[in-house]
C-alpha atoms as a PDB file:
ATOM      1  CA  MET A   1      -9.677  -8.368 -16.987  1.00  0.00           C
ATOM      2  CA  ALA A   2     -13.263  -8.242 -15.748  1.00  0.00           C
ATOM      3  CA  ILE A   3     -13.065  -6.510 -12.373  1.00  0.00           C
ATOM      4  CA  PRO A   4     -15.400  -7.675  -9.587  1.00  0.00           C
ATOM      5  CA  ARG A   5     -17.444  -4.698  -8.431  1.00  0.00           C
ATOM      6  CA  GLY A   6     -17.534  -3.521  -4.833  1.00  0.00           C
ATOM      7  CA  ALA A   7     -14.977  -3.401  -2.069  1.00  0.00           C
ATOM      8  CA  ASP A   8     -13.734  -6.998  -2.019  1.00  0.00           C
ATOM      9  CA  VAL A   9     -11.181  -7.942  -4.674  1.00  0.00           C
ATOM     10  CA  LEU A  10     -11.255 -11.731  -4.776  1.00  0.00           C
ATOM     11  CA  GLU A  11      -7.805 -13.290  -4.702  1.00  0.00           C
ATOM     12  CA  GLU A  12      -9.293 -16.250  -6.559  1.00  0.00           C
ATOM     13  CA  PHE A  13      -9.988 -13.938  -9.477  1.00  0.00           C
ATOM     14  CA  ILE A  14      -6.423 -12.615  -9.572  1.00  0.00           C
ATOM     15  CA  MET A  15      -4.979 -16.120  -9.238  1.00  0.00           C
ATOM     16  CA  GLU A  16      -7.028 -17.466 -12.129  1.00  0.00           C
ATOM     17  CA  PHE A  17      -6.106 -14.490 -14.288  1.00  0.00           C
ATOM     18  CA  SER A  18      -2.366 -14.718 -13.547  1.00  0.00           C
ATOM     19  CA  PRO A  19      -0.610 -16.720 -10.795  1.00  0.00           C
ATOM     20  CA  GLU A  20       2.488 -14.581 -11.424  1.00  0.00           C
ATOM     21  CA  LEU A  21       0.484 -11.443 -10.684  1.00  0.00           C
ATOM     22  CA  MET A  22      -0.761 -12.918  -7.404  1.00  0.00           C
ATOM     23  CA  ASN A  23       2.770 -13.938  -6.401  1.00  0.00           C
ATOM     24  CA  THR A  24       4.042 -10.418  -7.076  1.00  0.00           C
ATOM     25  CA  LEU A  25       1.348  -8.901  -4.867  1.00  0.00           C
ATOM     26  CA  LEU A  26       2.394 -11.234  -2.042  1.00  0.00           C
ATOM     27  CA  LYS A  27       6.151 -10.692  -2.303  1.00  0.00           C
ATOM     28  CA  ASP A  28       8.282  -9.157   0.430  1.00  0.00           C
ATOM     29  CA  HIS A  29      11.379  -7.609  -1.157  1.00  0.00           C
ATOM     30  CA  THR A  30      13.257  -7.091   2.116  1.00  0.00           C
ATOM     31  CA  THR A  31      13.511 -10.794   2.934  1.00  0.00           C
ATOM     32  CA  SER A  32      13.368 -12.306  -0.565  1.00  0.00           C
ATOM     33  CA  ARG A  33      16.511 -13.384  -2.368  1.00  0.00           C
ATOM     34  CA  PRO A  34      17.128 -13.748  -6.128  1.00  0.00           C
ATOM     35  CA  GLU A  35      16.867 -17.518  -5.904  1.00  0.00           C
ATOM     36  CA  THR A  36      13.721 -17.673  -3.781  1.00  0.00           C
ATOM     37  CA  GLN A  37      10.646 -15.588  -2.952  1.00  0.00           C
ATOM     38  CA  VAL A  38       9.553 -14.787   0.580  1.00  0.00           C
ATOM     39  CA  ASN A  39       5.999 -13.541   1.050  1.00  0.00           C
ATOM     40  CA  ILE A  40       4.513 -11.013   3.421  1.00  0.00           C
ATOM     41  CA  PHE A  41       3.169 -12.737   6.556  1.00  0.00           C
ATOM     42  CA  TRP A  42      -0.129 -12.515   8.410  1.00  0.00           C
ATOM     43  CA  GLY A  43       1.113 -10.321  11.280  1.00  0.00           C
ATOM     44  CA  THR A  44      -2.124 -10.938  13.190  1.00  0.00           C
ATOM     45  CA  ASP A  45      -3.734 -13.754  15.200  1.00  0.00           C
ATOM     46  CA  ASP A  46      -7.142 -13.168  13.594  1.00  0.00           C
ATOM     47  CA  TYR A  47      -6.884 -16.244  11.388  1.00  0.00           C
ATOM     48  CA  MET A  48      -5.148 -18.734  13.683  1.00  0.00           C
ATOM     49  CA  THR A  49      -8.340 -20.733  14.273  1.00  0.00           C
ATOM     50  CA  LEU A  50      -8.258 -21.703  10.584  1.00  0.00           C
ATOM     51  CA  GLY A  51      -5.324 -23.990  11.370  1.00  0.00           C
ATOM     52  CA  PRO A  52      -1.818 -24.542   9.979  1.00  0.00           C
ATOM     53  CA  GLY A  53      -0.603 -21.789   7.680  1.00  0.00           C
ATOM     54  CA  TYR A  54      -2.675 -19.086   9.370  1.00  0.00           C
ATOM     55  CA  GLN A  55      -0.541 -18.416  12.445  1.00  0.00           C
ATOM     56  CA  TYR A  56       0.916 -14.989  13.186  1.00  0.00           C
ATOM     57  CA  HIS A  57       4.300 -15.508  11.530  1.00  0.00           C
ATOM     58  CA  ASP A  58       3.152 -17.745   8.678  1.00  0.00           C
ATOM     59  CA  PRO A  59       3.583 -16.392   5.139  1.00  0.00           C
ATOM     60  CA  ILE A  60       0.424 -15.603   3.181  1.00  0.00           C
ATOM     61  CA  LEU A  61       0.312 -18.177   0.390  1.00  0.00           C
ATOM     62  CA  PRO A  62      -2.071 -18.213  -2.596  1.00  0.00           C
ATOM     63  CA  ASN A  63      -3.660 -21.530  -1.610  1.00  0.00           C
ATOM     64  CA  LEU A  64      -4.598 -20.066   1.799  1.00  0.00           C
ATOM     65  CA  ILE A  65      -6.690 -17.256   0.311  1.00  0.00           C
ATOM     66  CA  THR A  66      -8.242 -18.853  -2.772  1.00  0.00           C
ATOM     67  CA  GLY A  67     -10.665 -21.678  -3.517  1.00  0.00           C
ATOM     68  CA  ASP A  68     -12.663 -22.623  -0.441  1.00  0.00           C
ATOM     69  CA  ARG A  69     -10.753 -19.937   1.481  1.00  0.00           C
ATOM     70  CA  GLY A  70     -11.456 -17.252  -1.104  1.00  0.00           C
ATOM     71  CA  HIS A  71     -13.199 -14.959   1.386  1.00  0.00           C
ATOM     72  CA  VAL A  72     -10.645 -15.258   4.194  1.00  0.00           C
ATOM     73  CA  ILE A  73      -9.243 -11.781   3.494  1.00  0.00           C
ATOM     74  CA  MET A  74     -11.737  -8.968   3.092  1.00  0.00           C
ATOM     75  CA  PRO A  75     -11.828  -5.195   3.614  1.00  0.00           C
ATOM     76  CA  ARG A  76     -12.646  -3.839   7.029  1.00  0.00           C
ATOM     77  CA  VAL A  77     -16.051  -2.543   5.955  1.00  0.00           C
ATOM     78  CA  LEU A  78     -17.159  -6.126   5.181  1.00  0.00           C
ATOM     79  CA  LYS A  79     -15.856  -7.685   8.394  1.00  0.00           C
ATOM     80  CA  ALA A  80     -18.130  -8.471  11.316  1.00  0.00           C
ATOM     81  CA  ARG A  81     -18.334  -5.687  13.890  1.00  0.00           C
ATOM     82  CA  GLU A  82     -16.702  -7.954  16.485  1.00  0.00           C
ATOM     83  CA  ALA A  83     -13.680  -8.429  14.230  1.00  0.00           C
ATOM     84  CA  GLN A  84     -13.431  -4.674  13.622  1.00  0.00           C
ATOM     85  CA  GLU A  85     -13.508  -3.911  17.341  1.00  0.00           C
ATOM     86  CA  GLU A  86     -10.925  -6.614  18.045  1.00  0.00           C
ATOM     87  CA  ARG A  87      -8.538  -5.000  15.557  1.00  0.00           C
ATOM     88  CA  ILE A  88      -8.952  -1.675  17.343  1.00  0.00           C
ATOM     89  CA  ARG A  89      -8.190  -3.241  20.731  1.00  0.00           C
ATOM     90  CA  GLU A  90      -5.317  -5.507  19.718  1.00  0.00           C
ATOM     91  CA  MET A  91      -3.574  -3.578  16.927  1.00  0.00           C
ATOM     92  CA  ALA A  92      -4.846   0.002  17.396  1.00  0.00           C
ATOM     93  CA  GLU A  93      -6.245  -0.243  13.872  1.00  0.00           C
ATOM     94  CA  VAL A  94      -7.632   3.152  12.931  1.00  0.00           C
ATOM     95  CA  PHE A  95     -10.591   3.522  10.592  1.00  0.00           C
ATOM     96  CA  THR A  96     -10.621   6.643   8.414  1.00  0.00           C
ATOM     97  CA  PRO A  97     -13.839   7.505   6.521  1.00  0.00           C
ATOM     98  CA  SER A  98     -13.443   8.472   2.866  1.00  0.00           C
ATOM     99  CA  TRP A  99     -14.754  11.985   3.481  1.00  0.00           C
ATOM    100  CA  VAL A 100     -11.986  12.589   6.048  1.00  0.00           C
ATOM    101  CA  CYS A 101      -9.366  11.335   3.576  1.00  0.00           C
ATOM    102  CA  ASN A 102     -10.775  13.756   1.013  1.00  0.00           C
ATOM    103  CA  LEU A 103     -10.629  16.767   3.325  1.00  0.00           C
ATOM    104  CA  GLN A 104      -7.038  16.035   4.288  1.00  0.00           C
ATOM    105  CA  ASN A 105      -5.938  15.342   0.711  1.00  0.00           C
ATOM    106  CA  ASN A 106      -7.610  18.604  -0.299  1.00  0.00           C
ATOM    107  CA  GLN A 107      -5.508  20.439   2.273  1.00  0.00           C
ATOM    108  CA  ILE A 108      -2.313  18.941   0.846  1.00  0.00           C
ATOM    109  CA  ASP A 109      -3.298  19.994  -2.657  1.00  0.00           C
ATOM    110  CA  GLU A 110      -4.303  23.459  -1.487  1.00  0.00           C
ATOM    111  CA  MET A 111      -0.737  23.945  -0.260  1.00  0.00           C
ATOM    112  CA  TRP A 112       0.762  22.532  -3.483  1.00  0.00           C
ATOM    113  CA  PHE A 113      -1.450  24.501  -5.886  1.00  0.00           C
ATOM    114  CA  GLY A 114      -1.849  27.636  -3.807  1.00  0.00           C
ATOM    115  CA  ARG A 115      -5.643  27.566  -4.109  1.00  0.00           C
ATOM    116  CA  LYS A 116      -8.614  25.635  -2.747  1.00  0.00           C
ATOM    117  CA  ASP A 117     -10.978  23.101  -4.313  1.00  0.00           C
ATOM    118  CA  VAL A 118      -8.615  21.945  -7.052  1.00  0.00           C
ATOM    119  CA  PHE A 119      -9.989  18.443  -7.589  1.00  0.00           C
ATOM    120  CA  ASN A 120     -13.350  18.718  -5.849  1.00  0.00           C
ATOM    121  CA  HIS A 121     -15.365  20.845  -3.494  1.00  0.00           C
ATOM    122  CA  THR A 122     -17.271  19.612  -0.482  1.00  0.00           C
ATOM    123  CA  THR A 123     -21.042  19.920  -0.711  1.00  0.00           C
ATOM    124  CA  ASP A 124     -21.512  19.275   3.005  1.00  0.00           C
ATOM    125  CA  ASP A 125     -19.425  17.814   5.784  1.00  0.00           C
ATOM    126  CA  ARG A 126     -19.322  14.309   4.289  1.00  0.00           C
ATOM    127  CA  THR A 127     -19.848  14.545   0.532  1.00  0.00           C
ATOM    128  CA  TRP A 128     -17.998  16.127  -2.372  1.00  0.00           C
ATOM    129  CA  GLN A 129     -18.411  17.068  -6.022  1.00  0.00           C
ATOM    130  CA  ALA A 130     -15.553  16.610  -8.479  1.00  0.00           C
ATOM    131  CA  THR A 131     -14.468  19.590 -10.566  1.00  0.00           C
ATOM    132  CA  MET A 132     -15.415  19.162 -14.218  1.00  0.00           C
ATOM    133  CA  GLU A 133     -12.742  21.233 -15.972  1.00  0.00           C
ATOM    134  CA  ASP A 134      -9.185  20.015 -16.511  1.00  0.00           C
ATOM    135  CA  ILE A 135      -6.809  20.724 -13.656  1.00  0.00           C
ATOM    136  CA  ARG A 136      -4.886  24.011 -14.037  1.00  0.00           C
ATOM    137  CA  PHE A 137      -1.364  24.274 -12.663  1.00  0.00           C
ATOM    138  CA  PRO A 138       0.237  27.242 -10.925  1.00  0.00           C
ATOM    139  CA  ARG A 139       3.042  29.222 -12.483  1.00  0.00           C
ATOM    140  CA  GLY A 140       6.344  27.427 -12.180  1.00  0.00           C
ATOM    141  CA  LYS A 141       4.763  23.982 -11.771  1.00  0.00           C
ATOM    142  CA  THR A 142       3.597  21.486 -14.386  1.00  0.00           C
ATOM    143  CA  TRP A 143       1.386  18.429 -14.449  1.00  0.00           C
ATOM    144  CA  LYS A 144       4.526  16.289 -14.619  1.00  0.00           C
ATOM    145  CA  ASP A 145       5.757  17.843 -11.365  1.00  0.00           C
ATOM    146  CA  TYR A 146       2.493  16.886  -9.677  1.00  0.00           C
ATOM    147  CA  VAL A 147       2.546  13.309 -10.967  1.00  0.00           C
ATOM    148  CA  GLN A 148       6.104  12.796  -9.717  1.00  0.00           C
ATOM    149  CA  ASP A 149       5.695  14.545  -6.357  1.00  0.00           C
ATOM    150  CA  ILE A 150       6.570  12.014  -3.643  1.00  0.00           C
ATOM    151  CA  ARG A 151       3.775  11.149  -1.189  1.00  0.00           C
ATOM    152  CA  MET A 152       3.621   8.547   1.591  1.00  0.00           C
ATOM    153  CA  GLU A 153       0.794   7.028   3.618  1.00  0.00           C
ATOM    154  CA  ILE A 154       2.127   5.760   6.948  1.00  0.00           C
ATOM    155  CA  THR A 155       0.440   2.758   8.588  1.00  0.00           C
ATOM    156  CA  CYS A 156      -1.573   2.648   5.387  1.00  0.00           C
ATOM    157  CA  GLY A 157      -4.066  -0.121   6.185  1.00  0.00           C
ATOM    158  CA  GLU A 158      -6.076  -0.596   2.987  1.00  0.00           C
ATOM    159  CA  ALA A 159      -4.554   2.635   1.564  1.00  0.00           C
ATOM    160  CA  PRO A 160      -7.689   4.853   1.701  1.00  0.00           C
ATOM    161  CA  TYR A 161      -5.618   8.027   1.341  1.00  0.00           C
ATOM    162  CA  MET A 162      -3.996   6.677  -1.819  1.00  0.00           C
ATOM    163  CA  THR A 163      -6.997   5.275  -3.624  1.00  0.00           C
ATOM    164  CA  SER A 164     -10.741   5.409  -3.027  1.00  0.00           C
ATOM    165  CA  ARG A 165     -12.140   2.534  -5.077  1.00  0.00           C
ATOM    166  CA  TYR A 166     -14.917   2.170  -2.507  1.00  0.00           C
ATOM    167  CA  ASP A 167     -16.417   4.194   0.298  1.00  0.00           C
ATOM    168  CA  THR A 168     -14.785   2.954   3.495  1.00  0.00           C
ATOM    169  CA  THR A 169     -17.996   3.427   5.483  1.00  0.00           C
ATOM    170  CA  THR A 170     -20.436   1.669   3.123  1.00  0.00           C
ATOM    171  CA  GLY A 171     -18.294  -0.473   0.813  1.00  0.00           C
ATOM    172  CA  GLU A 172     -20.013   1.033  -2.221  1.00  0.00           C
ATOM    173  CA  GLU A 173     -17.918   1.582  -5.341  1.00  0.00           C
ATOM    174  CA  ILE A 174     -16.947   5.190  -6.095  1.00  0.00           C
ATOM    175  CA  PRO A 175     -16.938   6.169  -9.792  1.00  0.00           C
ATOM    176  CA  VAL A 176     -13.463   6.889 -11.158  1.00  0.00           C
ATOM    177  CA  LYS A 177     -14.247  10.565 -11.800  1.00  0.00           C
ATOM    178  CA  GLU A 178     -15.334  11.065  -8.176  1.00  0.00           C
ATOM    179  CA  ARG A 179     -12.391   9.355  -6.477  1.00  0.00           C
ATOM    180  CA  ILE A 180     -10.343  11.371  -4.036  1.00  0.00           C
ATOM    181  CA  GLY A 181      -7.154   9.412  -3.270  1.00  0.00           C
ATOM    182  CA  ILE A 182      -3.666  10.757  -3.897  1.00  0.00           C
ATOM    183  CA  LEU A 183      -3.087   8.186  -6.627  1.00  0.00           C
ATOM    184  CA  ASP A 184      -6.565   8.809  -8.062  1.00  0.00           C
ATOM    185  CA  ARG A 185      -5.679  12.490  -8.473  1.00  0.00           C
ATOM    186  CA  LYS A 186      -2.329  11.750 -10.072  1.00  0.00           C
ATOM    187  CA  LEU A 187      -3.924   9.364 -12.590  1.00  0.00           C
ATOM    188  CA  ARG A 188      -6.621  11.920 -13.365  1.00  0.00           C
ATOM    189  CA  VAL A 189      -3.887  14.414 -14.237  1.00  0.00           C
ATOM    190  CA  VAL A 190      -2.150  11.802 -16.403  1.00  0.00           C
ATOM    191  CA  SER A 191      -5.385  11.093 -18.267  1.00  0.00           C
ATOM    192  CA  GLU A 192      -6.051  14.793 -18.867  1.00  0.00           C
ATOM    193  CA  ASN A 193      -2.582  15.430 -20.287  1.00  0.00           C
ATOM    194  CA  THR A 194      -1.838  12.356 -22.412  1.00  0.00           C
ATOM    195  CA  GLU A 195      -3.501  10.769 -25.436  1.00  0.00           C
ATOM    196  CA  LYS A 196      -1.547   7.769 -26.712  1.00  0.00           C
ATOM    197  CA  SER A 197      -1.656   4.719 -24.462  1.00  0.00           C
ATOM    198  CA  GLY A 198       2.139   4.406 -24.422  1.00  0.00           C
ATOM    199  CA  GLU A 199       2.518   7.895 -22.998  1.00  0.00           C
ATOM    200  CA  TRP A 200      -0.306   7.291 -20.529  1.00  0.00           C
ATOM    201  CA  LEU A 201       1.389   4.098 -19.317  1.00  0.00           C
ATOM    202  CA  LYS A 202       4.740   5.862 -18.943  1.00  0.00           C
ATOM    203  CA  TRP A 203       3.310   8.575 -16.705  1.00  0.00           C
ATOM    204  CA  ALA A 204       1.018   6.209 -14.823  1.00  0.00           C
ATOM    205  CA  GLN A 205       4.106   4.189 -13.919  1.00  0.00           C
ATOM    206  CA  LYS A 206       5.802   7.377 -12.695  1.00  0.00           C
ATOM    207  CA  ALA A 207       2.720   8.107 -10.595  1.00  0.00           C
ATOM    208  CA  TYR A 208       3.011   4.692  -8.937  1.00  0.00           C
ATOM    209  CA  MET A 209       6.743   5.151  -8.422  1.00  0.00           C
ATOM    210  CA  SER A 210       6.008   8.385  -6.523  1.00  0.00           C
ATOM    211  CA  ILE A 211       3.719   6.916  -3.846  1.00  0.00           C
ATOM    212  CA  TYR A 212       4.780   4.879  -0.818  1.00  0.00           C
ATOM    213  CA  GLY A 213       3.170   3.267   2.198  1.00  0.00           C
ATOM    214  CA  TYR A 214       3.815   0.698   4.893  1.00  0.00           C
ATOM    215  CA  GLU A 215       1.614  -1.479   7.065  1.00  0.00           C
ATOM    216  CA  TRP A 216       2.163  -3.985   9.890  1.00  0.00           C
ATOM    217  CA  GLN A 217      -0.615  -6.499   9.164  1.00  0.00           C
ATOM    218  CA  GLY A 218      -0.176  -8.617   6.069  1.00  0.00           C
ATOM    219  CA  ASP A 219      -3.858  -8.945   5.227  1.00  0.00           C
ATOM    220  CA  ASN A 220      -4.311  -5.164   5.200  1.00  0.00           C
ATOM    221  CA  LEU A 221      -1.178  -4.758   3.110  1.00  0.00           C
ATOM    222  CA  LEU A 222      -2.428  -7.239   0.524  1.00  0.00           C
ATOM    223  CA  ILE A 223      -5.754  -5.405   0.278  1.00  0.00           C
ATOM    224  CA  ALA A 224      -3.879  -2.116  -0.178  1.00  0.00           C
ATOM    225  CA  ARG A 225      -1.780  -3.612  -2.951  1.00  0.00           C
ATOM    226  CA  GLU A 226      -4.860  -5.048  -4.642  1.00  0.00           C
ATOM    227  CA  ASN A 227      -6.679  -1.725  -4.438  1.00  0.00           C
ATOM    228  CA  LEU A 228      -3.732   0.059  -6.015  1.00  0.00           C
ATOM    229  CA  LEU A 229      -3.539  -2.489  -8.828  1.00  0.00           C
ATOM    230  CA  MET A 230      -7.264  -2.374  -9.563  1.00  0.00           C
ATOM    231  CA  THR A 231      -7.144   1.425  -9.575  1.00  0.00           C
ATOM    232  CA  PHE A 232      -4.701   1.156 -12.470  1.00  0.00           C
ATOM    233  CA  VAL A 233      -7.149  -1.067 -14.360  1.00  0.00           C
ATOM    234  CA  ASP A 234     -10.090   1.221 -13.572  1.00  0.00           C
ATOM    235  CA  SER A 235      -8.261   4.340 -14.744  1.00  0.00           C
ATOM    236  CA  TYR A 236      -6.947   2.759 -17.934  1.00  0.00           C
ATOM    237  CA  ARG A 237     -10.402   1.452 -18.777  1.00  0.00           C
ATOM    238  CA  GLU A 238     -11.937   4.875 -18.049  1.00  0.00           C
ATOM    239  CA  LYS A 239      -9.469   6.465 -20.485  1.00  0.00           C
ATOM    240  CA  TYR A 240      -9.394   3.912 -23.303  1.00  0.00           C
ATOM    241  CA  GLY A 241     -12.490   1.742 -22.903  1.00  0.00           C
ATOM    242  CA  ARG A 242     -10.470  -1.463 -22.718  1.00  0.00           C
ATOM    243  CA  ASP A 243      -8.253  -3.351 -20.301  1.00  0.00           C
ATOM    244  CA  PRO A 244      -4.471  -2.924 -20.075  1.00  0.00           C
ATOM    245  CA  LEU A 245      -2.221  -5.761 -21.198  1.00  0.00           C
ATOM    246  CA  LEU A 246      -1.024  -8.322 -18.677  1.00  0.00           C
ATOM    247  CA  LYS A 247       2.586  -7.166 -19.021  1.00  0.00           C
ATOM    248  CA  SER A 248       1.505  -3.653 -18.006  1.00  0.00           C
ATOM    249  CA  LEU A 249      -0.328  -5.049 -14.989  1.00  0.00           C
ATOM    250  CA  GLN A 250       2.686  -7.097 -13.985  1.00  0.00           C
ATOM    251  CA  TYR A 251       4.992  -4.089 -14.015  1.00  0.00           C
ATOM    252  CA  ILE A 252       2.575  -1.980 -11.991  1.00  0.00           C
ATOM    253  CA  ALA A 253       2.238  -4.848  -9.497  1.00  0.00           C
ATOM    254  CA  TYR A 254       6.036  -4.997  -9.273  1.00  0.00           C
ATOM    255  CA  ILE A 255       6.210  -1.280  -8.464  1.00  0.00           C
ATOM    256  CA  ILE A 256       3.450  -1.644  -5.866  1.00  0.00           C
ATOM    257  CA  SER A 257       5.187  -4.606  -4.218  1.00  0.00           C
ATOM    258  CA  TRP A 258       8.269  -2.434  -3.662  1.00  0.00           C
ATOM    259  CA  ASN A 259       6.542   0.784  -2.666  1.00  0.00           C
ATOM    260  CA  PHE A 260       4.012  -0.690  -0.219  1.00  0.00           C
ATOM    261  CA  TRP A 261       5.714  -2.947   2.263  1.00  0.00           C
ATOM    262  CA  GLN A 262       5.327  -4.652   5.642  1.00  0.00           C
ATOM    263  CA  MET A 263       7.034  -2.799   8.479  1.00  0.00           C
ATOM    264  CA  ASP A 264       6.974  -1.838  12.126  1.00  0.00           C
ATOM    265  CA  GLY A 265       6.863   1.911  11.566  1.00  0.00           C
ATOM    266  CA  LEU A 266       8.365   2.752  14.968  1.00  0.00           C
ATOM    267  CA  LYS A 267      11.486   0.663  14.349  1.00  0.00           C
ATOM    268  CA  GLY A 268      11.864   0.531  10.573  1.00  0.00           C
ATOM    269  CA  VAL A 269      12.168  -3.265  10.630  1.00  0.00           C
ATOM    270  CA  VAL A 270      10.088  -6.209   9.504  1.00  0.00           C
ATOM    271  CA  PRO A 271       7.546  -6.651  12.354  1.00  0.00           C
ATOM    272  CA  GLU A 272       8.624  -8.858  15.266  1.00  0.00           C
ATOM    273  CA  THR A 273      12.183  -9.430  14.025  1.00  0.00           C
ATOM    274  CA  CYS A 274      13.972  -7.715  16.914  1.00  0.00           C
ATOM    275  CA  GLY A 275      14.916 -10.010  19.773  1.00  0.00           C
ATOM    276  CA  VAL A 276      17.504 -11.502  22.119  1.00  0.00           C
ATOM    277  CA  ARG A 277      20.743 -12.348  20.307  1.00  0.00           C
ATOM    278  CA  ALA A 278      24.052 -13.961  21.193  1.00  0.00           C
ATOM    279  CA  SER A 279      26.780 -11.455  22.080  1.00  0.00           C
ATOM    280  CA  ASP A 280      29.380 -10.797  19.385  1.00  0.00           C
ATOM    281  CA  THR A 281      32.276 -11.487  21.749  1.00  0.00           C
ATOM    282  CA  PRO A 282      32.704 -14.065  24.552  1.00  0.00           C
ATOM    283  CA  ASP A 283      33.510 -13.014  28.092  1.00  0.00           C
ATOM    284  CA  LEU A 284      36.849 -13.764  29.842  1.00  0.00           C
ATOM    285  CA  PHE A 285      35.820 -17.375  30.388  1.00  0.00           C
ATOM    286  CA  GLY A 286      34.747 -17.963  26.808  1.00  0.00           C
ATOM    287  CA  HIS A 287      31.046 -17.837  27.535  1.00  0.00           C
ATOM    288  CA  ILE A 288      28.723 -16.259  24.996  1.00  0.00           C
ATOM    289  CA  GLU A 289      26.170 -14.056  26.656  1.00  0.00           C
ATOM    290  CA  THR A 290      22.805 -13.057  25.246  1.00  0.00           C
ATOM    291  CA  VAL A 291      21.808  -9.445  24.839  1.00  0.00           C
ATOM    292  CA  SER A 292      18.480  -7.786  24.104  1.00  0.00           C
ATOM    293  CA  CYS A 293      17.948  -5.565  21.075  1.00  0.00           C
ATOM    294  CA  PRO A 294      19.900  -2.334  21.752  1.00  0.00           C
ATOM    295  CA  GLY A 295      17.518  -0.366  19.564  1.00  0.00           C
ATOM    296  CA  CYS A 296      14.480  -1.480  21.543  1.00  0.00           C
ATOM    297  CA  LYS A 297      16.298  -1.038  24.849  1.00  0.00           C
ATOM    298  CA  ASN A 298      17.478   2.501  24.104  1.00  0.00           C
ATOM    299  CA  ASN A 299      14.751   3.586  21.688  1.00  0.00           C
ATOM    300  CA  ASP A 300      17.429   4.045  19.034  1.00  0.00           C
ATOM    301  CA  LEU A 301      16.138   3.757  15.463  1.00  0.00           C
ATOM    302  CA  LYS A 302      19.609   2.976  14.080  1.00  0.00           C
ATOM    303  CA  ARG A 303      20.507   0.112  16.456  1.00  0.00           C
ATOM    304  CA  HIS A 304      17.732  -2.445  16.147  1.00  0.00           C
ATOM    305  CA  ASN A 305      18.862  -6.009  15.542  1.00  0.00           C
ATOM    306  CA  GLY A 306      15.759  -6.824  13.524  1.00  0.00           C
ATOM    307  CA  THR A 307      15.597  -6.939   9.730  1.00  0.00           C
ATOM    308  CA  TYR A 308      15.623  -3.369   8.433  1.00  0.00           C
ATOM    309  CA  CYS A 309      13.178  -2.805   5.595  1.00  0.00           C
ATOM    310  CA  ILE A 310      14.487  -2.041   2.118  1.00  0.00           C
ATOM    311  CA  ILE A 311      12.798   0.268  -0.370  1.00  0.00           C
ATOM    312  CA  ARG A 312      13.640   1.370  -3.902  1.00  0.00           C
ATOM    313  CA  ASN A 313      14.543   4.762  -5.332  1.00  0.00           C
ATOM    314  CA  TRP A 314      13.167   4.522  -8.859  1.00  0.00           C
ATOM    315  CA  LYS A 315      15.105   7.515 -10.169  1.00  0.00           C
ATOM    316  CA  THR A 316      18.525   6.269  -9.095  1.00  0.00           C
ATOM    317  CA  LYS A 317      17.510   2.576  -9.215  1.00  0.00           C
ATOM    318  CA  GLU A 318      19.222   2.035  -5.870  1.00  0.00           C
ATOM    319  CA  LYS A 319      17.912  -0.038  -2.985  1.00  0.00           C
ATOM    320  CA  LEU A 320      18.221   1.512   0.455  1.00  0.00           C
ATOM    321  CA  ARG A 321      17.061   1.009   4.004  1.00  0.00           C
ATOM    322  CA  TYR A 322      13.970   2.965   4.922  1.00  0.00           C
ATOM    323  CA  ILE A 323      15.634   4.337   8.052  1.00  0.00           C
ATOM    324  CA  ASP A 324      18.469   5.793   5.962  1.00  0.00           C
ATOM    325  CA  LEU A 325      16.010   8.345   4.621  1.00  0.00           C
ATOM    326  CA  PHE A 326      16.168  10.025   8.021  1.00  0.00           C
ATOM    327  CA  SER A 327      18.958  12.383   9.032  1.00  0.00           C
ATOM    328  CA  HIS A 328      21.513  11.082  11.483  1.00  0.00           C
END
């Protein structure tokens, strides 16, 4: 699987390599049913001038982002400045430089390990140098604990806190050994503590099962999913000097499609699915009234009438609503 270098992962490339892989990256598990697939949707008006299929609520389909439309979706760093500013105004899209992600991820690891500069040390305010020696673990904790430690990136955008394939300010590729994302660190630990490819794959899968993220806009979510998938390829190639098998890629893509999903983070539902509904019971004269969403009206997370998002617990293999993770 020859990976295109740089920030933009071309959907055309993924589609030619494996249509099934592309379909998995586009799947929405909350709204899909066993007999049919439903894809994530655009969730933005940025593409509506391209015509039918590109409206806000339209699903993102492979034919809309490949071929002549192969550059429709691209990372923020490659978009025109006008488009970037429009995202900030309309969707409050926040841009986080890679060096900020690194500093914050370092703080998380400092708390987990009980010491500073575990994976890298900053050489000035905006650069870093990776540590060369294998990662040492504190008493009472093992590398397996770190790999399986649950982490989430809320409103994840292109998932810069999870994986740093490219510098978010320049678009330049970051070498695998210098990457600073949460997933990058987990895969580094896997590579340092496993030898046979089967064992590496087992613990890489556990690393992916331990990370979660959600995003409103479908194009950003697809980029995040692609970045996470390509990080798997990069790390496997760094370890073994060859590409992983397609079946391994497909399973990682399946995990990603569950763990990174499209959601309104304030409501816990698929974006824009709350609305006016018919009342459950007629009035004294048999008339059915319409009522607004009680969750939106009362700011009650548990009472929205939209479609609540479903996620997967990989240890118990159960599917549950995201909002059920919160205490009552």
